[in-house]
Amino acid sequence: MDIQSLAAEIPVEGEYSLEGIDFITSGEQYLTFLLGSEQYAVNILCVEEIRSWENPTKIPNAPDDVKGVINMRGVIVPIIDLRLKFNIGNAVYSDITVVVVLKVELEGGTKTMGFIVDAVSDVLNAEEGEIKNSPAFGGSVPQHYIDGLVNVGNNVVTILNVEALQVIQPHSK
């Protein structure tokens, strides 16, 4: 095969051949992750980065769910353990533990925080009509953190409110 034949197979800028992958969706996309056996999701547009677990620098007198901070390319990012924030048992950090770094635009500017989760699952496409309101039945996740629920096969995925997650609760001790 000569160089001309190879060059003819290279896609032109703006022309991409992604067979079998459907990127076109009319719904919202969410990054799903696990906390224990439960699946949760956040709007994928808020996901800045997914990082492998590393011990953050501890912050004195921080709430129990704040594990510390990391320096991410010059930005100091607080690291919050969602298991502890939602009171879902003790977290055990392993090779598949990850930190999902979320960035959200608020009135006071941009806020970036990292959230420790057990594992990242998938990207979920959900139409607005598929997302149901969460019943107020006093589950482990406080109601103000939940944007809705969506059925995926036999499972229910809890969609979290990224703006509400960005608020660090003071000590309750």
N, C-alpha and C. Protein backbone atom coordinates (compact mmCIF):
# COMPACT_ATOMS: atom_id res chain seq x y z
N MET A 1 0.85 -1.17 0.00
CA MET A 1 0.00 0.00 0.00
C MET A 1 0.90 1.24 0.00
N ASP A 2 0.58 2.20 -0.84
CA ASP A 2 1.40 3.39 -0.92
C ASP A 2 0.83 4.52 -0.05
N ILE A 3 1.57 5.58 0.09
CA ILE A 3 1.21 6.70 0.96
C ILE A 3 -0.07 7.39 0.49
N GLN A 4 -0.30 7.44 -0.81
CA GLN A 4 -1.51 8.08 -1.34
C GLN A 4 -2.77 7.32 -0.92
N SER A 5 -2.70 6.01 -0.92
CA SER A 5 -3.85 5.20 -0.51
C SER A 5 -4.15 5.39 0.96
N LEU A 6 -3.10 5.45 1.78
CA LEU A 6 -3.28 5.70 3.21
C LEU A 6 -3.87 7.07 3.46
N ALA A 7 -3.39 8.08 2.76
CA ALA A 7 -3.86 9.45 2.94
C ALA A 7 -5.33 9.57 2.56
N ALA A 8 -5.79 8.80 1.60
CA ALA A 8 -7.18 8.86 1.18
C ALA A 8 -8.12 8.33 2.26
N GLU A 9 -7.63 7.50 3.17
CA GLU A 9 -8.46 6.93 4.22
C GLU A 9 -8.55 7.81 5.46
N ILE A 10 -7.72 8.85 5.55
CA ILE A 10 -7.73 9.74 6.72
C ILE A 10 -8.90 10.70 6.58
N PRO A 11 -9.76 10.79 7.60
CA PRO A 11 -10.91 11.70 7.49
C PRO A 11 -10.46 13.15 7.38
N VAL A 12 -11.22 13.92 6.62
CA VAL A 12 -10.98 15.34 6.48
C VAL A 12 -11.47 16.02 7.75
N GLU A 13 -10.88 17.18 8.10
CA GLU A 13 -11.30 17.89 9.31
C GLU A 13 -12.81 18.11 9.28
N GLY A 14 -13.47 17.76 10.38
CA GLY A 14 -14.91 17.89 10.47
C GLY A 14 -15.66 16.66 9.98
N GLU A 15 -14.96 15.70 9.40
CA GLU A 15 -15.58 14.48 8.88
C GLU A 15 -15.07 13.32 9.71
N TYR A 16 -15.91 12.78 10.56
CA TYR A 16 -15.47 11.71 11.44
C TYR A 16 -16.33 10.49 11.24
N SER A 17 -15.71 9.35 11.20
CA SER A 17 -16.44 8.10 11.04
C SER A 17 -16.44 7.37 12.37
N LEU A 18 -17.56 7.46 13.09
CA LEU A 18 -17.70 6.80 14.39
C LEU A 18 -18.85 5.81 14.29
N GLU A 19 -18.58 4.69 13.69
CA GLU A 19 -19.62 3.69 13.49
C GLU A 19 -20.04 3.06 14.81
N GLY A 20 -21.34 2.89 14.95
CA GLY A 20 -21.85 2.20 16.13
C GLY A 20 -21.96 3.07 17.35
N ILE A 21 -21.60 4.35 17.26
CA ILE A 21 -21.69 5.24 18.41
C ILE A 21 -22.71 6.31 18.10
N ASP A 22 -23.71 6.43 18.96
CA ASP A 22 -24.77 7.39 18.75
C ASP A 22 -24.60 8.56 19.71
N PHE A 23 -24.08 9.67 19.20
CA PHE A 23 -23.86 10.85 20.03
C PHE A 23 -25.04 11.81 20.00
N ILE A 24 -25.97 11.58 19.08
CA ILE A 24 -27.08 12.50 18.94
C ILE A 24 -28.19 12.10 19.89
N THR A 25 -28.54 13.02 20.76
CA THR A 25 -29.61 12.76 21.72
C THR A 25 -30.38 14.04 21.93
N SER A 26 -31.68 13.93 22.08
CA SER A 26 -32.48 15.12 22.34
C SER A 26 -32.62 15.35 23.85
N GLY A 27 -32.23 14.37 24.65
CA GLY A 27 -32.33 14.49 26.10
C GLY A 27 -31.03 14.99 26.72
N GLU A 28 -31.04 15.03 28.04
CA GLU A 28 -29.85 15.41 28.78
C GLU A 28 -28.95 14.20 28.97
N GLN A 29 -27.66 14.45 29.14
CA GLN A 29 -26.72 13.37 29.41
C GLN A 29 -26.22 13.50 30.84
N TYR A 30 -26.10 12.35 31.50
CA TYR A 30 -25.68 12.30 32.90
C TYR A 30 -24.57 11.28 33.06
N LEU A 31 -23.59 11.60 33.90
CA LEU A 31 -22.56 10.65 34.28
C LEU A 31 -23.10 9.87 35.47
N THR A 32 -23.15 8.55 35.35
CA THR A 32 -23.65 7.74 36.46
C THR A 32 -22.48 7.15 37.23
N PHE A 33 -22.69 6.95 38.53
CA PHE A 33 -21.65 6.39 39.40
C PHE A 33 -22.31 5.62 40.52
N LEU A 34 -21.50 4.84 41.22
CA LEU A 34 -21.99 3.99 42.31
C LEU A 34 -21.56 4.52 43.67
N LEU A 35 -22.49 4.42 44.60
CA LEU A 35 -22.21 4.58 46.03
C LEU A 35 -22.82 3.34 46.66
N GLY A 36 -21.99 2.40 47.03
CA GLY A 36 -22.50 1.11 47.48
C GLY A 36 -23.14 0.42 46.30
N SER A 37 -24.37 -0.05 46.47
CA SER A 37 -25.07 -0.73 45.38
C SER A 37 -26.04 0.20 44.65
N GLU A 38 -26.09 1.46 45.05
CA GLU A 38 -27.02 2.42 44.45
C GLU A 38 -26.34 3.23 43.35
N GLN A 39 -27.12 3.54 42.30
CA GLN A 39 -26.61 4.36 41.19
C GLN A 39 -27.11 5.78 41.32
N TYR A 40 -26.19 6.71 41.09
CA TYR A 40 -26.49 8.14 41.12
C TYR A 40 -25.98 8.74 39.82
N ALA A 41 -26.44 9.96 39.52
CA ALA A 41 -26.01 10.62 38.29
C ALA A 41 -25.92 12.12 38.50
N VAL A 42 -25.03 12.75 37.72
CA VAL A 42 -24.91 14.20 37.69
C VAL A 42 -24.88 14.64 36.23
N ASN A 43 -25.34 15.86 35.98
CA ASN A 43 -25.32 16.39 34.62
C ASN A 43 -23.89 16.36 34.08
N ILE A 44 -23.72 15.75 32.93
CA ILE A 44 -22.37 15.55 32.39
C ILE A 44 -21.70 16.87 32.02
N LEU A 45 -22.48 17.91 31.77
CA LEU A 45 -21.90 19.20 31.42
C LEU A 45 -21.17 19.84 32.60
N CYS A 46 -21.45 19.37 33.81
CA CYS A 46 -20.78 19.88 35.01
C CYS A 46 -19.51 19.12 35.35
N VAL A 47 -19.26 17.99 34.67
CA VAL A 47 -18.10 17.17 34.98
C VAL A 47 -16.85 17.79 34.36
N GLU A 48 -15.96 18.22 35.22
CA GLU A 48 -14.69 18.82 34.79
C GLU A 48 -13.66 17.73 34.50
N GLU A 49 -13.65 16.70 35.36
CA GLU A 49 -12.61 15.68 35.26
C GLU A 49 -13.00 14.49 36.14
N ILE A 50 -12.49 13.32 35.77
CA ILE A 50 -12.61 12.12 36.61
C ILE A 50 -11.18 11.71 36.95
N ARG A 51 -10.87 11.69 38.24
CA ARG A 51 -9.50 11.41 38.69
C ARG A 51 -9.46 10.13 39.51
N SER A 52 -8.33 9.46 39.45
CA SER A 52 -8.15 8.31 40.33
C SER A 52 -7.96 8.83 41.76
N TRP A 53 -8.22 7.95 42.71
CA TRP A 53 -8.14 8.33 44.13
C TRP A 53 -6.71 8.65 44.52
N GLU A 54 -6.54 9.74 45.22
CA GLU A 54 -5.27 10.12 45.83
C GLU A 54 -5.59 10.79 47.15
N ASN A 55 -4.74 10.61 48.14
CA ASN A 55 -5.00 11.21 49.45
C ASN A 55 -4.88 12.72 49.34
N PRO A 56 -5.94 13.45 49.70
CA PRO A 56 -5.86 14.92 49.67
C PRO A 56 -5.13 15.45 50.90
N THR A 57 -4.78 16.72 50.85
CA THR A 57 -4.19 17.39 52.00
C THR A 57 -5.31 17.71 52.99
N LYS A 58 -5.14 17.25 54.23
CA LYS A 58 -6.17 17.43 55.26
C LYS A 58 -6.34 18.92 55.61
N ILE A 59 -7.57 19.26 55.97
CA ILE A 59 -7.90 20.62 56.40
C ILE A 59 -8.33 20.54 57.87
N PRO A 60 -7.65 21.26 58.77
CA PRO A 60 -8.04 21.21 60.19
C PRO A 60 -9.47 21.70 60.40
N ASN A 61 -10.19 21.03 61.29
CA ASN A 61 -11.54 21.39 61.70
C ASN A 61 -12.57 21.34 60.57
N ALA A 62 -12.28 20.61 59.51
CA ALA A 62 -13.24 20.47 58.40
C ALA A 62 -14.33 19.47 58.80
N PRO A 63 -15.51 19.60 58.23
CA PRO A 63 -16.55 18.59 58.48
C PRO A 63 -16.05 17.20 58.08
N ASP A 64 -16.63 16.16 58.67
CA ASP A 64 -16.17 14.79 58.44
C ASP A 64 -16.19 14.38 56.97
N ASP A 65 -17.17 14.87 56.21
CA ASP A 65 -17.26 14.47 54.80
C ASP A 65 -16.24 15.17 53.91
N VAL A 66 -15.60 16.23 54.40
CA VAL A 66 -14.55 16.92 53.64
C VAL A 66 -13.22 16.25 53.95
N LYS A 67 -12.70 15.52 52.98
CA LYS A 67 -11.48 14.74 53.19
C LYS A 67 -10.22 15.58 53.05
N GLY A 68 -10.34 16.78 52.49
CA GLY A 68 -9.18 17.65 52.31
C GLY A 68 -9.28 18.39 51.00
N VAL A 69 -8.11 18.81 50.48
CA VAL A 69 -8.06 19.54 49.21
C VAL A 69 -6.94 18.97 48.35
N ILE A 70 -7.08 19.16 47.04
CA ILE A 70 -6.00 18.84 46.11
C ILE A 70 -5.73 20.08 45.27
N ASN A 71 -4.53 20.14 44.72
CA ASN A 71 -4.16 21.21 43.80
C ASN A 71 -4.32 20.65 42.40
N MET A 72 -5.29 21.17 41.66
CA MET A 72 -5.57 20.69 40.32
C MET A 72 -5.21 21.80 39.34
N ARG A 73 -4.01 21.74 38.81
CA ARG A 73 -3.52 22.73 37.85
C ARG A 73 -3.66 24.16 38.39
N GLY A 74 -3.27 24.35 39.65
CA GLY A 74 -3.30 25.68 40.25
C GLY A 74 -4.60 26.04 40.94
N VAL A 75 -5.62 25.21 40.86
CA VAL A 75 -6.90 25.46 41.51
C VAL A 75 -6.99 24.54 42.73
N ILE A 76 -7.28 25.11 43.90
CA ILE A 76 -7.45 24.32 45.11
C ILE A 76 -8.87 23.77 45.10
N VAL A 77 -8.99 22.44 45.10
CA VAL A 77 -10.29 21.78 44.97
C VAL A 77 -10.59 20.99 46.24
N PRO A 78 -11.68 21.34 46.95
CA PRO A 78 -12.09 20.54 48.11
C PRO A 78 -12.57 19.16 47.65
N ILE A 79 -12.24 18.13 48.44
CA ILE A 79 -12.64 16.76 48.13
C ILE A 79 -13.63 16.29 49.19
N ILE A 80 -14.85 15.94 48.74
CA ILE A 80 -15.93 15.54 49.62
C ILE A 80 -16.27 14.08 49.36
N ASP A 81 -16.43 13.31 50.44
CA ASP A 81 -16.83 11.92 50.32
C ASP A 81 -18.35 11.85 50.33
N LEU A 82 -18.95 11.48 49.18
CA LEU A 82 -20.41 11.45 49.09
C LEU A 82 -21.05 10.40 50.00
N ARG A 83 -20.33 9.31 50.27
CA ARG A 83 -20.88 8.31 51.21
C ARG A 83 -21.10 8.94 52.58
N LEU A 84 -20.12 9.71 53.02
CA LEU A 84 -20.23 10.35 54.33
C LEU A 84 -21.24 11.50 54.29
N LYS A 85 -21.26 12.26 53.21
CA LYS A 85 -22.21 13.38 53.07
C LYS A 85 -23.64 12.87 53.14
N PHE A 86 -23.90 11.71 52.51
CA PHE A 86 -25.24 11.14 52.49
C PHE A 86 -25.46 10.10 53.58
N ASN A 87 -24.47 9.90 54.43
CA ASN A 87 -24.57 8.94 55.53
C ASN A 87 -24.89 7.53 55.03
N ILE A 88 -24.12 7.08 54.02
CA ILE A 88 -24.31 5.76 53.43
C ILE A 88 -23.15 4.87 53.87
N GLY A 89 -22.94 4.72 55.14
CA GLY A 89 -21.90 3.83 55.64
C GLY A 89 -20.50 4.41 55.47
N ASN A 90 -19.52 3.61 55.85
CA ASN A 90 -18.12 4.02 55.76
C ASN A 90 -17.57 3.76 54.37
N ALA A 91 -16.73 4.66 53.93
CA ALA A 91 -16.11 4.51 52.62
C ALA A 91 -14.83 3.70 52.75
N VAL A 92 -14.63 2.81 51.81
CA VAL A 92 -13.38 2.06 51.71
C VAL A 92 -12.78 2.44 50.37
N TYR A 93 -11.59 3.01 50.40
CA TYR A 93 -10.96 3.48 49.16
C TYR A 93 -10.15 2.35 48.54
N SER A 94 -10.39 2.12 47.24
CA SER A 94 -9.72 1.02 46.54
C SER A 94 -9.23 1.50 45.17
N ASP A 95 -8.80 0.56 44.34
CA ASP A 95 -8.29 0.89 43.01
C ASP A 95 -9.35 1.48 42.10
N ILE A 96 -10.63 1.16 42.35
CA ILE A 96 -11.67 1.70 41.47
C ILE A 96 -12.33 2.95 42.04
N THR A 97 -11.93 3.37 43.25
CA THR A 97 -12.46 4.60 43.83
C THR A 97 -11.97 5.77 42.98
N VAL A 98 -12.89 6.66 42.66
CA VAL A 98 -12.52 7.82 41.84
C VAL A 98 -13.06 9.10 42.46
N VAL A 99 -12.52 10.21 41.99
CA VAL A 99 -12.99 11.53 42.37
C VAL A 99 -13.58 12.16 41.12
N VAL A 100 -14.87 12.48 41.19
CA VAL A 100 -15.54 13.17 40.08
C VAL A 100 -15.48 14.66 40.41
N VAL A 101 -14.76 15.41 39.59
CA VAL A 101 -14.61 16.85 39.81
C VAL A 101 -15.72 17.56 39.05
N LEU A 102 -16.55 18.30 39.80
CA LEU A 102 -17.68 19.01 39.21
C LEU A 102 -17.45 20.51 39.28
N LYS A 103 -17.82 21.17 38.21
CA LYS A 103 -17.68 22.63 38.12
C LYS A 103 -19.05 23.20 37.80
N VAL A 104 -19.46 24.21 38.56
CA VAL A 104 -20.77 24.81 38.35
C VAL A 104 -20.65 26.32 38.42
N GLU A 105 -21.42 26.99 37.56
CA GLU A 105 -21.46 28.45 37.56
C GLU A 105 -22.54 28.90 38.54
N LEU A 106 -22.14 29.65 39.56
CA LEU A 106 -23.07 30.18 40.54
C LEU A 106 -23.05 31.71 40.45
N GLU A 107 -23.95 32.36 41.15
CA GLU A 107 -24.00 33.83 41.12
C GLU A 107 -22.67 34.45 41.54
N GLY A 108 -22.01 33.86 42.51
CA GLY A 108 -20.74 34.38 43.00
C GLY A 108 -19.54 33.96 42.18
N GLY A 109 -19.74 33.26 41.09
CA GLY A 109 -18.64 32.80 40.24
C GLY A 109 -18.67 31.29 40.07
N THR A 110 -17.55 30.76 39.60
CA THR A 110 -17.43 29.34 39.34
C THR A 110 -16.97 28.62 40.59
N LYS A 111 -17.58 27.46 40.87
CA LYS A 111 -17.17 26.67 42.03
C LYS A 111 -16.80 25.27 41.55
N THR A 112 -15.64 24.80 41.97
CA THR A 112 -15.16 23.48 41.58
C THR A 112 -14.93 22.65 42.84
N MET A 113 -15.51 21.44 42.85
CA MET A 113 -15.35 20.54 43.99
C MET A 113 -15.22 19.11 43.47
N GLY A 114 -14.49 18.29 44.21
CA GLY A 114 -14.34 16.88 43.86
C GLY A 114 -15.15 16.02 44.80
N PHE A 115 -15.78 14.99 44.25
CA PHE A 115 -16.63 14.10 45.04
C PHE A 115 -16.14 12.67 44.90
N ILE A 116 -15.84 12.05 46.04
CA ILE A 116 -15.36 10.67 46.05
C ILE A 116 -16.56 9.74 45.87
N VAL A 117 -16.46 8.86 44.86
CA VAL A 117 -17.50 7.87 44.60
C VAL A 117 -16.84 6.50 44.49
N ASP A 118 -17.63 5.44 44.65
CA ASP A 118 -17.06 4.09 44.61
C ASP A 118 -16.55 3.72 43.23
N ALA A 119 -17.29 4.08 42.18
CA ALA A 119 -16.89 3.77 40.82
C ALA A 119 -17.77 4.56 39.85
N VAL A 120 -17.23 4.90 38.70
CA VAL A 120 -18.01 5.54 37.64
C VAL A 120 -18.60 4.44 36.79
N SER A 121 -19.88 4.59 36.41
CA SER A 121 -20.58 3.54 35.67
C SER A 121 -20.63 3.80 34.18
N ASP A 122 -21.38 4.82 33.77
CA ASP A 122 -21.75 4.97 32.37
C ASP A 122 -22.23 6.39 32.13
N VAL A 123 -22.56 6.67 30.87
CA VAL A 123 -23.24 7.92 30.52
C VAL A 123 -24.67 7.56 30.19
N LEU A 124 -25.59 8.27 30.82
CA LEU A 124 -27.02 8.01 30.68
C LEU A 124 -27.66 9.12 29.88
N ASN A 125 -28.44 8.76 28.86
CA ASN A 125 -29.25 9.72 28.12
C ASN A 125 -30.66 9.64 28.68
N ALA A 126 -31.20 10.78 29.11
CA ALA A 126 -32.55 10.77 29.68
C ALA A 126 -33.34 11.96 29.14
N GLU A 127 -34.51 11.65 28.62
CA GLU A 127 -35.44 12.69 28.18
C GLU A 127 -36.08 13.32 29.42
N GLU A 128 -36.49 14.56 29.30
CA GLU A 128 -37.09 15.26 30.43
C GLU A 128 -38.31 14.51 30.97
N GLY A 129 -39.10 13.91 30.08
CA GLY A 129 -40.29 13.18 30.48
C GLY A 129 -40.01 11.88 31.22
N GLU A 130 -38.79 11.36 31.09
CA GLU A 130 -38.41 10.12 31.77
C GLU A 130 -38.01 10.36 33.22
N ILE A 131 -37.69 11.60 33.56
CA ILE A 131 -37.22 11.93 34.90
C ILE A 131 -38.42 12.23 35.78
N LYS A 132 -38.55 11.46 36.85
CA LYS A 132 -39.68 11.59 37.78
C LYS A 132 -39.24 12.33 39.03
N ASN A 133 -40.18 13.02 39.67
CA ASN A 133 -39.89 13.67 40.94
C ASN A 133 -39.63 12.62 41.99
N SER A 134 -38.74 12.95 42.91
CA SER A 134 -38.41 12.03 43.98
C SER A 134 -39.47 12.13 45.08
N PRO A 135 -40.01 10.98 45.51
CA PRO A 135 -40.97 11.03 46.61
C PRO A 135 -40.26 11.41 47.91
N ALA A 136 -40.91 12.19 48.74
CA ALA A 136 -40.32 12.62 50.01
C ALA A 136 -40.60 11.56 51.07
N PHE A 137 -39.80 10.49 51.06
CA PHE A 137 -40.03 9.40 52.01
C PHE A 137 -38.91 9.26 53.02
N GLY A 138 -38.01 10.24 53.09
CA GLY A 138 -36.99 10.23 54.13
C GLY A 138 -35.87 9.25 53.89
N GLY A 139 -35.41 9.12 52.65
CA GLY A 139 -34.29 8.23 52.34
C GLY A 139 -32.99 8.78 52.89
N SER A 140 -31.89 8.08 52.58
CA SER A 140 -30.59 8.49 53.12
C SER A 140 -30.07 9.78 52.49
N VAL A 141 -30.49 10.08 51.25
CA VAL A 141 -30.05 11.31 50.59
C VAL A 141 -31.10 12.39 50.84
N PRO A 142 -30.70 13.49 51.49
CA PRO A 142 -31.67 14.57 51.74
C PRO A 142 -32.33 15.06 50.44
N GLN A 143 -33.60 15.39 50.52
CA GLN A 143 -34.42 15.74 49.37
C GLN A 143 -33.83 16.87 48.53
N HIS A 144 -33.21 17.88 49.16
CA HIS A 144 -32.72 19.03 48.39
C HIS A 144 -31.53 18.69 47.49
N TYR A 145 -30.92 17.52 47.66
CA TYR A 145 -29.84 17.09 46.78
C TYR A 145 -30.34 16.36 45.54
N ILE A 146 -31.62 16.04 45.48
CA ILE A 146 -32.16 15.20 44.41
C ILE A 146 -32.95 16.03 43.40
N ASP A 147 -32.57 15.91 42.12
CA ASP A 147 -33.31 16.55 41.03
C ASP A 147 -34.40 15.64 40.49
N GLY A 148 -34.21 14.32 40.61
CA GLY A 148 -35.22 13.40 40.11
C GLY A 148 -34.71 11.98 40.07
N LEU A 149 -35.59 11.09 39.62
CA LEU A 149 -35.28 9.67 39.49
C LEU A 149 -35.58 9.24 38.07
N VAL A 150 -34.78 8.31 37.56
CA VAL A 150 -35.03 7.78 36.23
C VAL A 150 -34.85 6.27 36.25
N ASN A 151 -35.76 5.56 35.58
CA ASN A 151 -35.65 4.10 35.48
C ASN A 151 -34.69 3.75 34.36
N VAL A 152 -33.75 2.87 34.66
CA VAL A 152 -32.83 2.33 33.66
C VAL A 152 -32.87 0.82 33.80
N GLY A 153 -33.60 0.18 32.90
CA GLY A 153 -33.80 -1.27 33.03
C GLY A 153 -34.55 -1.55 34.31
N ASN A 154 -34.00 -2.42 35.15
CA ASN A 154 -34.63 -2.75 36.44
C ASN A 154 -34.13 -1.87 37.58
N ASN A 155 -33.25 -0.92 37.27
CA ASN A 155 -32.66 -0.07 38.30
C ASN A 155 -33.24 1.33 38.28
N VAL A 156 -33.15 2.00 39.40
CA VAL A 156 -33.53 3.40 39.50
C VAL A 156 -32.26 4.20 39.75
N VAL A 157 -32.04 5.24 38.95
CA VAL A 157 -30.88 6.11 39.10
C VAL A 157 -31.35 7.42 39.71
N THR A 158 -30.69 7.85 40.77
CA THR A 158 -31.01 9.12 41.43
C THR A 158 -30.17 10.22 40.81
N ILE A 159 -30.83 11.22 40.22
CA ILE A 159 -30.12 12.35 39.61
C ILE A 159 -29.94 13.41 40.67
N LEU A 160 -28.68 13.79 40.90
CA LEU A 160 -28.34 14.73 41.95
C LEU A 160 -28.28 16.16 41.43
N ASN A 161 -28.60 17.11 42.30
CA ASN A 161 -28.55 18.53 42.00
C ASN A 161 -27.11 19.01 42.27
N VAL A 162 -26.39 19.34 41.23
CA VAL A 162 -24.97 19.69 41.35
C VAL A 162 -24.79 20.97 42.17
N GLU A 163 -25.67 21.94 42.00
CA GLU A 163 -25.54 23.19 42.77
C GLU A 163 -25.69 22.93 44.27
N ALA A 164 -26.64 22.08 44.65
CA ALA A 164 -26.84 21.76 46.07
C ALA A 164 -25.62 21.02 46.64
N LEU A 165 -24.99 20.18 45.82
CA LEU A 165 -23.80 19.44 46.28
C LEU A 165 -22.63 20.38 46.59
N GLN A 166 -22.60 21.54 45.97
CA GLN A 166 -21.49 22.47 46.12
C GLN A 166 -21.48 23.19 47.47
N VAL A 167 -22.51 23.00 48.28
CA VAL A 167 -22.59 23.67 49.59
C VAL A 167 -22.02 22.75 50.66
N ILE A 168 -20.99 23.22 51.35
CA ILE A 168 -20.38 22.44 52.42
C ILE A 168 -21.10 22.79 53.72
N GLN A 169 -21.64 21.75 54.36
CA GLN A 169 -22.35 21.95 55.64
C GLN A 169 -21.35 22.08 56.76
N PRO A 170 -21.56 23.01 57.70
CA PRO A 170 -20.65 23.15 58.83
C PRO A 170 -20.74 21.96 59.77
N HIS A 171 -19.77 21.88 60.68
CA HIS A 171 -19.76 20.81 61.69
C HIS A 171 -21.08 20.74 62.43
N SER A 172 -21.48 19.53 62.74
CA SER A 172 -22.68 19.38 63.57
C SER A 172 -22.31 18.86 64.95
N LYS A 173 -21.04 18.93 65.28
CA LYS A 173 -20.56 18.42 66.57
C LYS A 173 -20.71 19.45 67.65
